[in-house]
């Protein structure tokens, strides 16, 4: 299902969003001078088990990479996703690498 959903970056709200009817799944972000902080992700029950959380994370991380920014995954979902997907390890902020078990 996640392939059919559109992720929109809502800069005013500081989050990536996916809408399904009245429900909104989102991943919050904060652009800081030293990278992009991802503090919280929320996936309503209507989206659970459909890959929407992963779609949000992939989209947000792709954006961060395209912007040349490192990421600070404070959100447990972001942290777990990054830890499991080596293709994103290179953009993790140095101060967050140990928490994710990504020591060089």
Protein backbone atom coordinates (compact mmCIF):
# COMPACT_ATOMS: atom_id res chain seq x y z
CA UNK A 1 0.00 0.00 0.00
CA UNK A 2 2.80 2.46 0.78
CA UNK A 3 3.73 2.70 -2.92
CA UNK A 4 0.35 4.30 -3.67
CA UNK A 5 0.64 6.92 -0.92
CA UNK A 6 2.16 10.35 -1.41
CA UNK A 7 4.52 11.82 1.17
CA UNK A 8 4.37 15.61 1.39
CA UNK A 9 6.96 17.77 3.14
CA UNK A 10 5.08 20.35 5.16
CA UNK A 11 7.77 22.92 6.02
CA UNK A 12 5.33 25.14 7.95
CA UNK A 13 4.52 22.28 10.35
CA UNK A 14 8.05 20.85 10.26
CA UNK A 15 7.00 17.38 9.23
CA UNK A 16 6.57 14.88 6.44
CA UNK A 17 2.96 13.76 6.05
CA UNK A 18 0.89 11.02 4.47
CA UNK A 19 -2.89 11.41 4.39
CA UNK A 20 -5.50 8.68 4.16
CA UNK A 21 -8.98 10.15 4.46
CA UNK A 22 -9.05 12.17 7.67
CA UNK A 23 -6.00 10.39 9.11
CA UNK A 24 -2.48 11.80 8.92
CA UNK A 25 0.73 9.91 9.56
CA UNK A 26 3.73 12.15 10.09
CA UNK A 27 7.41 12.37 10.89
CA UNK A 28 8.51 15.60 12.54
CA UNK A 29 11.80 17.30 11.71
CA UNK A 30 13.78 20.27 12.92
CA UNK A 31 16.49 21.80 10.73
CA UNK A 32 19.37 22.86 12.99
CA UNK A 33 22.74 24.40 12.22
CA UNK A 34 24.47 21.04 12.73
CA UNK A 35 21.97 18.75 10.97
CA UNK A 36 18.36 17.60 10.95
CA UNK A 37 16.73 16.35 14.12
CA UNK A 38 13.92 13.80 13.84
CA UNK A 39 12.10 13.91 17.20
CA UNK A 40 8.80 12.10 16.64
CA UNK A 41 6.88 9.91 14.21
CA UNK A 42 3.21 9.09 14.52
CA UNK A 43 1.28 6.50 12.54
CA UNK A 44 -2.48 6.28 13.23
CA UNK A 45 -4.14 2.84 13.45
CA UNK A 46 -5.55 3.24 9.90
CA UNK A 47 -1.94 3.12 8.59
CA UNK A 48 -0.42 0.46 10.86
CA UNK A 49 1.18 -2.52 9.17
CA UNK A 50 1.12 -0.86 5.74
CA UNK A 51 4.70 0.37 5.57
CA UNK A 52 3.75 4.01 6.03
CA UNK A 53 6.20 4.65 8.87
CA UNK A 54 9.06 3.23 6.82
CA UNK A 55 7.96 5.28 3.81
CA UNK A 56 8.04 8.45 5.92
CA UNK A 57 11.51 7.64 7.26
CA UNK A 58 12.95 6.79 3.83
CA UNK A 59 11.55 9.97 2.34
CA UNK A 60 12.86 12.12 5.19
CA UNK A 61 16.31 10.53 5.08
CA UNK A 62 16.49 10.90 1.30
CA UNK A 63 15.69 14.59 1.70
CA UNK A 64 18.38 14.98 4.38
CA UNK A 65 20.94 13.28 2.14
CA UNK A 66 19.96 15.44 -0.85
CA UNK A 67 20.43 18.52 1.35
CA UNK A 68 23.89 17.31 2.40
CA UNK A 69 22.84 17.16 6.08
CA UNK A 70 23.58 14.69 8.84
CA UNK A 71 20.67 13.35 10.87
CA UNK A 72 19.95 13.12 14.58
CA UNK A 73 17.39 10.34 15.07
CA UNK A 74 15.86 11.04 18.48
CA UNK A 75 12.62 9.28 17.50
CA UNK A 76 12.90 5.58 18.41
CA UNK A 77 11.30 4.55 15.12
CA UNK A 78 13.85 6.55 13.09
CA UNK A 79 16.71 5.19 15.21
CA UNK A 80 15.58 1.57 14.79
CA UNK A 81 15.06 1.99 11.05
CA UNK A 82 18.50 3.51 10.53
CA UNK A 83 20.20 0.88 12.70
CA UNK A 84 18.69 -1.85 10.50
CA UNK A 85 19.48 -0.19 7.16
CA UNK A 86 23.20 0.28 6.52
CA UNK A 87 22.59 2.53 3.51
CA UNK A 88 21.72 5.36 5.93
CA UNK A 89 24.57 4.92 8.43
CA UNK A 90 26.80 7.43 6.64
CA UNK A 91 24.47 10.38 7.31
CA UNK A 92 24.07 9.83 11.06
CA UNK A 93 25.50 12.71 13.10
CA UNK A 94 28.72 11.60 14.86
CA UNK A 95 27.25 12.23 18.32
CA UNK A 96 24.35 9.83 17.60
CA UNK A 97 26.38 6.96 16.13
CA UNK A 98 27.18 5.24 19.44
CA UNK A 99 23.53 5.17 20.53
CA UNK A 100 22.69 3.34 17.30
CA UNK A 101 25.60 0.92 17.62
CA UNK A 102 27.35 2.44 14.59
CA UNK A 103 30.79 3.02 16.06
CA UNK A 104 33.43 3.44 13.37
